[in-house]
């Protein structure tokens, strides 16, 4: 993978992570955190889709590497929701 392809994947992950945080109604952090949440969301979304037997759709291929946009957004929202619950439970604040 080239450096350009890697930056494109980071950009896609950041957008998916940001959308997932917006859907969950909770902002965990800035741009770097959105990138991490986007990648974690992709794994969570693919895992949930696999367990439920749902098909992959709207997958973007960057230099032969597939990135599931819809499942990344759904997984990011799920992950952000659980991070918000844990933060409220342990710190008592939003």
PDB file of N, CA and C in Angstrom:
ATOM      1  N   UNK A   1       0.850  -1.172   0.000  1.00  0.00           N
ATOM      2  CA  UNK A   1       0.000   0.000   0.000  1.00  0.00           C
ATOM      3  C   UNK A   1       0.897   1.238   0.000  1.00  0.00           C
ATOM      4  N   UNK A   2       0.531   2.182  -0.836  1.00  0.00           N
ATOM      5  CA  UNK A   2       1.299   3.414  -0.914  1.00  0.00           C
ATOM      6  C   UNK A   2       0.892   4.356   0.217  1.00  0.00           C
ATOM      7  N   UNK A   3       1.685   5.382   0.392  1.00  0.00           N
ATOM      8  CA  UNK A   3       1.392   6.375   1.419  1.00  0.00           C
ATOM      9  C   UNK A   3       0.080   7.099   1.109  1.00  0.00           C
ATOM     10  N   UNK A   4      -0.149   7.374  -0.170  1.00  0.00           N
ATOM     11  CA  UNK A   4      -1.391   8.029  -0.582  1.00  0.00           C
ATOM     12  C   UNK A   4      -2.608   7.164  -0.254  1.00  0.00           C
ATOM     13  N   UNK A   5      -2.523   5.874  -0.537  1.00  0.00           N
ATOM     14  CA  UNK A   5      -3.620   4.961  -0.225  1.00  0.00           C
ATOM     15  C   UNK A   5      -3.889   4.879   1.267  1.00  0.00           C
ATOM     16  N   UNK A   6      -2.815   4.895   2.054  1.00  0.00           N
ATOM     17  CA  UNK A   6      -2.962   4.859   3.510  1.00  0.00           C
ATOM     18  C   UNK A   6      -3.675   6.116   4.010  1.00  0.00           C
ATOM     19  N   UNK A   7      -3.310   7.280   3.472  1.00  0.00           N
ATOM     20  CA  UNK A   7      -3.964   8.517   3.885  1.00  0.00           C
ATOM     21  C   UNK A   7      -5.432   8.551   3.457  1.00  0.00           C
ATOM     22  N   UNK A   8      -5.742   7.957   2.319  1.00  0.00           N
ATOM     23  CA  UNK A   8      -7.142   7.867   1.890  1.00  0.00           C
ATOM     24  C   UNK A   8      -7.933   7.001   2.872  1.00  0.00           C
ATOM     25  N   UNK A   9      -7.354   5.866   3.296  1.00  0.00           N
ATOM     26  CA  UNK A   9      -8.030   5.017   4.290  1.00  0.00           C
ATOM     27  C   UNK A   9      -8.223   5.762   5.612  1.00  0.00           C
ATOM     28  N   UNK A  10      -7.224   6.540   6.031  1.00  0.00           N
ATOM     29  CA  UNK A  10      -7.358   7.331   7.257  1.00  0.00           C
ATOM     30  C   UNK A  10      -8.478   8.358   7.127  1.00  0.00           C
ATOM     31  N   UNK A  11      -8.572   8.992   5.969  1.00  0.00           N
ATOM     32  CA  UNK A  11      -9.625   9.975   5.743  1.00  0.00           C
ATOM     33  C   UNK A  11     -11.008   9.326   5.780  1.00  0.00           C
ATOM     34  N   UNK A  12     -11.146   8.189   5.136  1.00  0.00           N
ATOM     35  CA  UNK A  12     -12.427   7.472   5.139  1.00  0.00           C
ATOM     36  C   UNK A  12     -12.786   7.037   6.559  1.00  0.00           C
ATOM     37  N   UNK A  13     -11.810   6.535   7.314  1.00  0.00           N
ATOM     38  CA  UNK A  13     -12.061   6.112   8.695  1.00  0.00           C
ATOM     39  C   UNK A  13     -12.462   7.297   9.562  1.00  0.00           C
ATOM     40  N   UNK A  14     -11.824   8.450   9.362  1.00  0.00           N
ATOM     41  CA  UNK A  14     -12.168   9.639  10.146  1.00  0.00           C
ATOM     42  C   UNK A  14     -13.598  10.084   9.869  1.00  0.00           C
ATOM     43  N   UNK A  15     -13.990  10.058   8.612  1.00  0.00           N
ATOM     44  CA  UNK A  15     -15.359  10.452   8.261  1.00  0.00           C
ATOM     45  C   UNK A  15     -16.372   9.471   8.853  1.00  0.00           C
ATOM     46  N   UNK A  16     -16.098   8.176   8.726  1.00  0.00           N
ATOM     47  CA  UNK A  16     -17.007   7.163   9.290  1.00  0.00           C
ATOM     48  C   UNK A  16     -17.073   7.273  10.807  1.00  0.00           C
ATOM     49  N   UNK A  17     -15.934   7.497  11.455  1.00  0.00           N
ATOM     50  CA  UNK A  17     -15.917   7.654  12.906  1.00  0.00           C
ATOM     51  C   UNK A  17     -16.678   8.885  13.356  1.00  0.00           C
ATOM     52  N   UNK A  18     -16.530   9.990  12.627  1.00  0.00           N
ATOM     53  CA  UNK A  18     -17.259  11.213  12.958  1.00  0.00           C
ATOM     54  C   UNK A  18     -18.759  11.052  12.792  1.00  0.00           C
ATOM     55  N   UNK A  19     -19.171  10.393  11.711  1.00  0.00           N
ATOM     56  CA  UNK A  19     -20.601  10.149  11.495  1.00  0.00           C
ATOM     57  C   UNK A  19     -21.145   9.216  12.576  1.00  0.00           C
ATOM     58  N   UNK A  20     -20.378   8.195  12.929  1.00  0.00           N
ATOM     59  CA  UNK A  20     -20.801   7.277  13.987  1.00  0.00           C
ATOM     60  C   UNK A  20     -20.963   7.973  15.326  1.00  0.00           C
ATOM     61  N   UNK A  21     -20.041   8.897  15.638  1.00  0.00           N
ATOM     62  CA  UNK A  21     -20.158   9.657  16.882  1.00  0.00           C
ATOM     63  C   UNK A  21     -21.390  10.555  16.852  1.00  0.00           C
ATOM     64  N   UNK A  22     -21.685  11.134  15.703  1.00  0.00           N
ATOM     65  CA  UNK A  22     -22.870  11.987  15.577  1.00  0.00           C
ATOM     66  C   UNK A  22     -24.153  11.186  15.764  1.00  0.00           C
ATOM     67  N   UNK A  23     -24.185   9.987  15.197  1.00  0.00           N
ATOM     68  CA  UNK A  23     -25.370   9.134  15.355  1.00  0.00           C
ATOM     69  C   UNK A  23     -25.555   8.749  16.815  1.00  0.00           C
ATOM     70  N   UNK A  24     -24.454   8.441  17.504  1.00  0.00           N
ATOM     71  CA  UNK A  24     -24.539   8.050  18.910  1.00  0.00           C
ATOM     72  C   UNK A  24     -24.845   9.242  19.809  1.00  0.00           C
ATOM     73  N   UNK A  25     -24.638  10.453  19.314  1.00  0.00           N
ATOM     74  CA  UNK A  25     -24.927  11.641  20.104  1.00  0.00           C
ATOM     75  C   UNK A  25     -23.887  11.933  21.162  1.00  0.00           C
ATOM     76  N   UNK A  26     -22.663  11.485  20.940  1.00  0.00           N
ATOM     77  CA  UNK A  26     -21.606  11.673  21.929  1.00  0.00           C
ATOM     78  C   UNK A  26     -20.292  11.852  21.191  1.00  0.00           C
ATOM     79  N   UNK A  27     -19.526  12.869  21.549  1.00  0.00           N
ATOM     80  CA  UNK A  27     -18.243  13.127  20.919  1.00  0.00           C
ATOM     81  C   UNK A  27     -17.136  12.663  21.849  1.00  0.00           C
ATOM     82  N   UNK A  28     -16.381  11.671  21.406  1.00  0.00           N
ATOM     83  CA  UNK A  28     -15.318  11.100  22.227  1.00  0.00           C
ATOM     84  C   UNK A  28     -14.053  11.929  22.145  1.00  0.00           C
ATOM     85  N   UNK A  29     -13.755  12.511  21.011  1.00  0.00           N
ATOM     86  CA  UNK A  29     -12.529  13.280  20.865  1.00  0.00           C
ATOM     87  C   UNK A  29     -12.433  13.937  19.512  1.00  0.00           C
ATOM     88  N   UNK A  30     -11.197  14.281  19.134  1.00  0.00           N
ATOM     89  CA  UNK A  30     -10.946  15.003  17.898  1.00  0.00           C
ATOM     90  C   UNK A  30     -10.769  14.106  16.693  1.00  0.00           C
ATOM     91  N   UNK A  31      -9.989  14.599  15.744  1.00  0.00           N
ATOM     92  CA  UNK A  31      -9.825  13.924  14.459  1.00  0.00           C
ATOM     93  C   UNK A  31      -9.105  12.584  14.601  1.00  0.00           C
ATOM     94  N   UNK A  32      -8.038  12.546  15.382  1.00  0.00           N
ATOM     95  CA  UNK A  32      -7.305  11.286  15.553  1.00  0.00           C
ATOM     96  C   UNK A  32      -8.166  10.229  16.226  1.00  0.00           C
ATOM     97  N   UNK A  33      -8.962  10.645  17.190  1.00  0.00           N
ATOM     98  CA  UNK A  33      -9.866   9.710  17.861  1.00  0.00           C
ATOM     99  C   UNK A  33     -10.936   9.224  16.889  1.00  0.00           C
ATOM    100  N   UNK A  34     -11.403  10.103  16.010  1.00  0.00           N
ATOM    101  CA  UNK A  34     -12.389   9.694  15.002  1.00  0.00           C
ATOM    102  C   UNK A  34     -11.813   8.650  14.055  1.00  0.00           C
ATOM    103  N   UNK A  35     -10.529   8.783  13.717  1.00  0.00           N
ATOM    104  CA  UNK A  35      -9.879   7.789  12.860  1.00  0.00           C
ATOM    105  C   UNK A  35      -9.857   6.434  13.554  1.00  0.00           C
ATOM    106  N   UNK A  36      -9.453   6.427  14.813  1.00  0.00           N
ATOM    107  CA  UNK A  36      -9.392   5.175  15.574  1.00  0.00           C
ATOM    108  C   UNK A  36     -10.789   4.577  15.711  1.00  0.00           C
ATOM    109  N   UNK A  37     -11.765   5.410  16.025  1.00  0.00           N
ATOM    110  CA  UNK A  37     -13.137   4.926  16.163  1.00  0.00           C
ATOM    111  C   UNK A  37     -13.653   4.391  14.828  1.00  0.00           C
ATOM    112  N   UNK A  38     -13.270   5.017  13.722  1.00  0.00           N
ATOM    113  CA  UNK A  38     -13.671   4.527  12.403  1.00  0.00           C
ATOM    114  C   UNK A  38     -13.123   3.145  12.107  1.00  0.00           C
ATOM    115  N   UNK A  39     -11.840   2.908  12.442  1.00  0.00           N
ATOM    116  CA  UNK A  39     -11.257   1.584  12.219  1.00  0.00           C
ATOM    117  C   UNK A  39     -11.857   0.543  13.157  1.00  0.00           C
ATOM    118  N   UNK A  40     -12.004   0.890  14.431  1.00  0.00           N
ATOM    119  CA  UNK A  40     -12.628  -0.040  15.381  1.00  0.00           C
ATOM    120  C   UNK A  40     -14.075  -0.303  14.969  1.00  0.00           C
ATOM    121  N   UNK A  41     -14.764   0.739  14.531  1.00  0.00           N
ATOM    122  CA  UNK A  41     -16.139   0.586  14.066  1.00  0.00           C
ATOM    123  C   UNK A  41     -16.253  -0.340  12.872  1.00  0.00           C
ATOM    124  N   UNK A  42     -15.266  -0.296  11.978  1.00  0.00           N
ATOM    125  CA  UNK A  42     -15.283  -1.198  10.821  1.00  0.00           C
ATOM    126  C   UNK A  42     -15.194  -2.646  11.277  1.00  0.00           C
ATOM    127  N   UNK A  43     -14.324  -2.913  12.248  1.00  0.00           N
ATOM    128  CA  UNK A  43     -14.209  -4.284  12.759  1.00  0.00           C
ATOM    129  C   UNK A  43     -15.480  -4.719  13.491  1.00  0.00           C
ATOM    130  N   UNK A  44     -16.019  -3.846  14.326  1.00  0.00           N
ATOM    131  CA  UNK A  44     -17.245  -4.178  15.055  1.00  0.00           C
ATOM    132  C   UNK A  44     -18.404  -4.378  14.080  1.00  0.00           C
ATOM    133  N   UNK A  45     -18.535  -3.472  13.121  1.00  0.00           N
ATOM    134  CA  UNK A  45     -19.616  -3.577  12.148  1.00  0.00           C
ATOM    135  C   UNK A  45     -19.541  -4.842  11.319  1.00  0.00           C
ATOM    136  N   UNK A  46     -18.334  -5.204  10.871  1.00  0.00           N
ATOM    137  CA  UNK A  46     -18.172  -6.443  10.108  1.00  0.00           C
ATOM    138  C   UNK A  46     -18.464  -7.667  10.966  1.00  0.00           C
ATOM    139  N   UNK A  47     -18.070  -7.621  12.224  1.00  0.00           N
ATOM    140  CA  UNK A  47     -18.322  -8.747  13.131  1.00  0.00           C
ATOM    141  C   UNK A  47     -19.828  -8.932  13.333  1.00  0.00           C
ATOM    142  N   UNK A  48     -20.541  -7.823  13.608  1.00  0.00           N
ATOM    143  CA  UNK A  48     -21.993  -7.892  13.803  1.00  0.00           C
ATOM    144  C   UNK A  48     -22.681  -8.376  12.526  1.00  0.00           C
ATOM    145  N   UNK A  49     -22.260  -7.848  11.386  1.00  0.00           N
ATOM    146  CA  UNK A  49     -22.858  -8.268  10.113  1.00  0.00           C
ATOM    147  C   UNK A  49     -22.612  -9.747   9.850  1.00  0.00           C
ATOM    148  N   UNK A  50     -21.420 -10.225  10.184  1.00  0.00           N
ATOM    149  CA  UNK A  50     -21.114 -11.644  10.002  1.00  0.00           C
ATOM    150  C   UNK A  50     -21.941 -12.535  10.909  1.00  0.00           C
ATOM    151  N   UNK A  51     -22.113 -12.117  12.161  1.00  0.00           N
ATOM    152  CA  UNK A  51     -22.908 -12.904  13.108  1.00  0.00           C
ATOM    153  C   UNK A  51     -24.382 -12.952  12.720  1.00  0.00           C
ATOM    154  N   UNK A  52     -24.878 -11.860  12.141  1.00  0.00           N
ATOM    155  CA  UNK A  52     -26.284 -11.805  11.743  1.00  0.00           C
ATOM    156  C   UNK A  52     -26.505 -12.299  10.317  1.00  0.00           C
ATOM    157  N   UNK A  53     -25.434 -12.632   9.625  1.00  0.00           N
ATOM    158  CA  UNK A  53     -25.550 -13.123   8.255  1.00  0.00           C
ATOM    159  C   UNK A  53     -25.939 -12.050   7.253  1.00  0.00           C
ATOM    160  N   UNK A  54     -25.575 -10.812   7.534  1.00  0.00           N
ATOM    161  CA  UNK A  54     -25.914  -9.704   6.645  1.00  0.00           C
ATOM    162  C   UNK A  54     -24.829  -9.526   5.584  1.00  0.00           C
ATOM    163  N   UNK A  55     -25.197  -9.085   4.395  1.00  0.00           N
ATOM    164  CA  UNK A  55     -24.208  -8.945   3.317  1.00  0.00           C
ATOM    165  C   UNK A  55     -23.374  -7.670   3.466  1.00  0.00           C
ATOM    166  N   UNK A  56     -22.209  -7.685   2.833  1.00  0.00           N
ATOM    167  CA  UNK A  56     -21.397  -6.475   2.744  1.00  0.00           C
ATOM    168  C   UNK A  56     -21.951  -5.620   1.615  1.00  0.00           C
ATOM    169  N   UNK A  57     -22.183  -4.354   1.897  1.00  0.00           N
ATOM    170  CA  UNK A  57     -22.602  -3.453   0.835  1.00  0.00           C
ATOM    171  C   UNK A  57     -21.967  -2.099   1.076  1.00  0.00           C
ATOM    172  N   UNK A  58     -21.830  -1.352   0.014  1.00  0.00           N
ATOM    173  CA  UNK A  58     -21.152  -0.056  -0.025  1.00  0.00           C
ATOM    174  C   UNK A  58     -19.754  -0.154   0.577  1.00  0.00           C
ATOM    175  N   UNK A  59     -18.947  -0.980  -0.050  1.00  0.00           N
ATOM    176  CA  UNK A  59     -17.561  -1.162   0.347  1.00  0.00           C
ATOM    177  C   UNK A  59     -16.678  -0.379  -0.612  1.00  0.00           C
ATOM    178  N   UNK A  60     -15.777   0.422  -0.066  1.00  0.00           N
ATOM    179  CA  UNK A  60     -14.838   1.194  -0.869  1.00  0.00           C
ATOM    180  C   UNK A  60     -13.520   0.439  -0.911  1.00  0.00           C
ATOM    181  N   UNK A  61     -12.992   0.231  -2.113  1.00  0.00           N
ATOM    182  CA  UNK A  61     -11.699  -0.428  -2.274  1.00  0.00           C
ATOM    183  C   UNK A  61     -10.628   0.624  -2.525  1.00  0.00           C
ATOM    184  N   UNK A  62      -9.632   0.644  -1.651  1.00  0.00           N
ATOM    185  CA  UNK A  62      -8.493   1.541  -1.811  1.00  0.00           C
ATOM    186  C   UNK A  62      -7.268   0.670  -1.999  1.00  0.00           C
ATOM    187  N   UNK A  63      -6.753   0.662  -3.212  1.00  0.00           N
ATOM    188  CA  UNK A  63      -5.582  -0.142  -3.566  1.00  0.00           C
ATOM    189  C   UNK A  63      -5.770  -1.611  -3.193  1.00  0.00           C
ATOM    190  N   UNK A  64      -6.953  -2.128  -3.450  1.00  0.00           N
ATOM    191  CA  UNK A  64      -7.232  -3.539  -3.199  1.00  0.00           C
ATOM    192  C   UNK A  64      -7.638  -3.867  -1.777  1.00  0.00           C
ATOM    193  N   UNK A  65      -7.671  -2.894  -0.902  1.00  0.00           N
ATOM    194  CA  UNK A  65      -8.084  -3.104   0.487  1.00  0.00           C
ATOM    195  C   UNK A  65      -9.527  -2.627   0.655  1.00  0.00           C
ATOM    196  N   UNK A  66     -10.452  -3.542   0.968  1.00  0.00           N
ATOM    197  CA  UNK A  66     -11.851  -3.127   1.128  1.00  0.00           C
ATOM    198  C   UNK A  66     -12.082  -2.445   2.475  1.00  0.00           C
ATOM    199  N   UNK A  67     -12.897  -1.402   2.471  1.00  0.00           N
ATOM    200  CA  UNK A  67     -13.286  -0.713   3.698  1.00  0.00           C
ATOM    201  C   UNK A  67     -14.802  -0.572   3.675  1.00  0.00           C
ATOM    202  N   UNK A  68     -15.504  -1.256   4.600  1.00  0.00           N
ATOM    203  CA  UNK A  68     -16.973  -1.266   4.601  1.00  0.00           C
ATOM    204  C   UNK A  68     -17.548   0.015   5.208  1.00  0.00           C
ATOM    205  N   UNK A  69     -18.005   0.921   4.387  1.00  0.00           N
ATOM    206  CA  UNK A  69     -18.465   2.228   4.854  1.00  0.00           C
ATOM    207  C   UNK A  69     -19.662   2.109   5.804  1.00  0.00           C
ATOM    208  N   UNK A  70     -20.711   1.439   5.381  1.00  0.00           N
ATOM    209  CA  UNK A  70     -21.935   1.364   6.197  1.00  0.00           C
ATOM    210  C   UNK A  70     -21.671   0.644   7.512  1.00  0.00           C
ATOM    211  N   UNK A  71     -20.964  -0.488   7.457  1.00  0.00           N
ATOM    212  CA  UNK A  71     -20.693  -1.229   8.692  1.00  0.00           C
ATOM    213  C   UNK A  71     -19.736  -0.465   9.597  1.00  0.00           C
ATOM    214  N   UNK A  72     -18.838   0.328   9.027  1.00  0.00           N
ATOM    215  CA  UNK A  72     -17.944   1.157   9.841  1.00  0.00           C
ATOM    216  C   UNK A  72     -18.729   2.233  10.579  1.00  0.00           C
ATOM    217  N   UNK A  73     -19.697   2.836   9.912  1.00  0.00           N
ATOM    218  CA  UNK A  73     -20.516   3.861  10.559  1.00  0.00           C
ATOM    219  C   UNK A  73     -21.369   3.243  11.667  1.00  0.00           C
ATOM    220  N   UNK A  74     -22.010   2.119  11.379  1.00  0.00           N
ATOM    221  CA  UNK A  74     -22.834   1.447  12.393  1.00  0.00           C
ATOM    222  C   UNK A  74     -21.969   0.978  13.560  1.00  0.00           C
ATOM    223  N   UNK A  75     -20.831   0.376  13.270  1.00  0.00           N
ATOM    224  CA  UNK A  75     -19.923  -0.074  14.325  1.00  0.00           C
ATOM    225  C   UNK A  75     -19.366   1.079  15.136  1.00  0.00           C
ATOM    226  N   UNK A  76     -19.086   2.207  14.491  1.00  0.00           N
ATOM    227  CA  UNK A  76     -18.597   3.389  15.202  1.00  0.00           C
ATOM    228  C   UNK A  76     -19.652   3.926  16.159  1.00  0.00           C
ATOM    229  N   UNK A  77     -20.900   3.929  15.719  1.00  0.00           N
ATOM    230  CA  UNK A  77     -21.981   4.382  16.597  1.00  0.00           C
ATOM    231  C   UNK A  77     -22.125   3.455  17.799  1.00  0.00           C
ATOM    232  N   UNK A  78     -22.041   2.151  17.570  1.00  0.00           N
ATOM    233  CA  UNK A  78     -22.127   1.178  18.669  1.00  0.00           C
ATOM    234  C   UNK A  78     -20.967   1.367  19.639  1.00  0.00           C
ATOM    235  N   UNK A  79     -19.752   1.483  19.105  1.00  0.00           N
ATOM    236  CA  UNK A  79     -18.569   1.646  19.953  1.00  0.00           C
ATOM    237  C   UNK A  79     -18.635   2.950  20.747  1.00  0.00           C
ATOM    238  N   UNK A  80     -19.038   4.047  20.103  1.00  0.00           N
ATOM    239  CA  UNK A  80     -19.151   5.334  20.788  1.00  0.00           C
ATOM    240  C   UNK A  80     -20.201   5.276  21.881  1.00  0.00           C
ATOM    241  N   UNK A  81     -21.310   4.604  21.630  1.00  0.00           N
ATOM    242  CA  UNK A  81     -22.363   4.463  22.632  1.00  0.00           C
ATOM    243  C   UNK A  81     -21.830   3.749  23.877  1.00  0.00           C
ATOM    244  N   UNK A  82     -21.069   2.660  23.683  1.00  0.00           N
ATOM    245  CA  UNK A  82     -20.527   1.936  24.831  1.00  0.00           C
ATOM    246  C   UNK A  82     -19.434   2.720  25.550  1.00  0.00           C
ATOM    247  N   UNK A  83     -18.637   3.478  24.823  1.00  0.00           N
ATOM    248  CA  UNK A  83     -17.634   4.336  25.462  1.00  0.00           C
ATOM    249  C   UNK A  83     -18.326   5.389  26.322  1.00  0.00           C
ATOM    250  N   UNK A  84     -19.412   5.966  25.814  1.00  0.00           N
ATOM    251  CA  UNK A  84     -20.162   6.963  26.580  1.00  0.00           C
ATOM    252  C   UNK A  84     -20.765   6.350  27.837  1.00  0.00           C
ATOM    253  N   UNK A  85     -21.309   5.135  27.724  1.00  0.00           N
ATOM    254  CA  UNK A  85     -21.865   4.464  28.903  1.00  0.00           C
ATOM    255  C   UNK A  85     -20.794   4.192  29.953  1.00  0.00           C
ATOM    256  N   UNK A  86     -19.651   3.702  29.516  1.00  0.00           N
ATOM    257  CA  UNK A  86     -18.562   3.420  30.454  1.00  0.00           C
ATOM    258  C   UNK A  86     -18.036   4.689  31.099  1.00  0.00           C
ATOM    259  N   UNK A  87     -17.918   5.748  30.332  1.00  0.00           N
ATOM    260  CA  UNK A  87     -17.413   7.004  30.890  1.00  0.00           C
ATOM    261  C   UNK A  87     -18.373   7.555  31.937  1.00  0.00           C
ATOM    262  N   UNK A  88     -19.664   7.485  31.652  1.00  0.00           N
ATOM    263  CA  UNK A  88     -20.652   7.967  32.625  1.00  0.00           C
ATOM    264  C   UNK A  88     -20.671   7.090  33.871  1.00  0.00           C
ATOM    265  N   UNK A  89     -20.488   5.783  33.696  1.00  0.00           N
ATOM    266  CA  UNK A  89     -20.530   4.870  34.836  1.00  0.00           C
ATOM    267  C   UNK A  89     -19.330   5.059  35.756  1.00  0.00           C
ATOM    268  N   UNK A  90     -18.150   5.281  35.183  1.00  0.00           N
ATOM    269  CA  UNK A  90     -16.941   5.357  35.998  1.00  0.00           C
ATOM    270  C   UNK A  90     -16.589   6.757  36.465  1.00  0.00           C
ATOM    271  N   UNK A  91     -16.984   7.789  35.717  1.00  0.00           N
ATOM    272  CA  UNK A  91     -16.626   9.146  36.124  1.00  0.00           C
ATOM    273  C   UNK A  91     -17.816   9.941  36.632  1.00  0.00           C
ATOM    274  N   UNK A  92     -19.022   9.507  36.298  1.00  0.00           N
ATOM    275  CA  UNK A  92     -20.212  10.211  36.746  1.00  0.00           C
ATOM    276  C   UNK A  92     -20.469  11.505  36.000  1.00  0.00           C
ATOM    277  N   UNK A  93     -19.801  11.690  34.856  1.00  0.00           N
ATOM    278  CA  UNK A  93     -20.014  12.903  34.069  1.00  0.00           C
ATOM    279  C   UNK A  93     -20.142  12.540  32.599  1.00  0.00           C
ATOM    280  N   UNK A  94     -20.625  13.494  31.809  1.00  0.00           N
ATOM    281  CA  UNK A  94     -20.830  13.258  30.374  1.00  0.00           C
ATOM    282  C   UNK A  94     -19.574  13.423  29.602  1.00  0.00           C
TER     283      UNK A  94
END
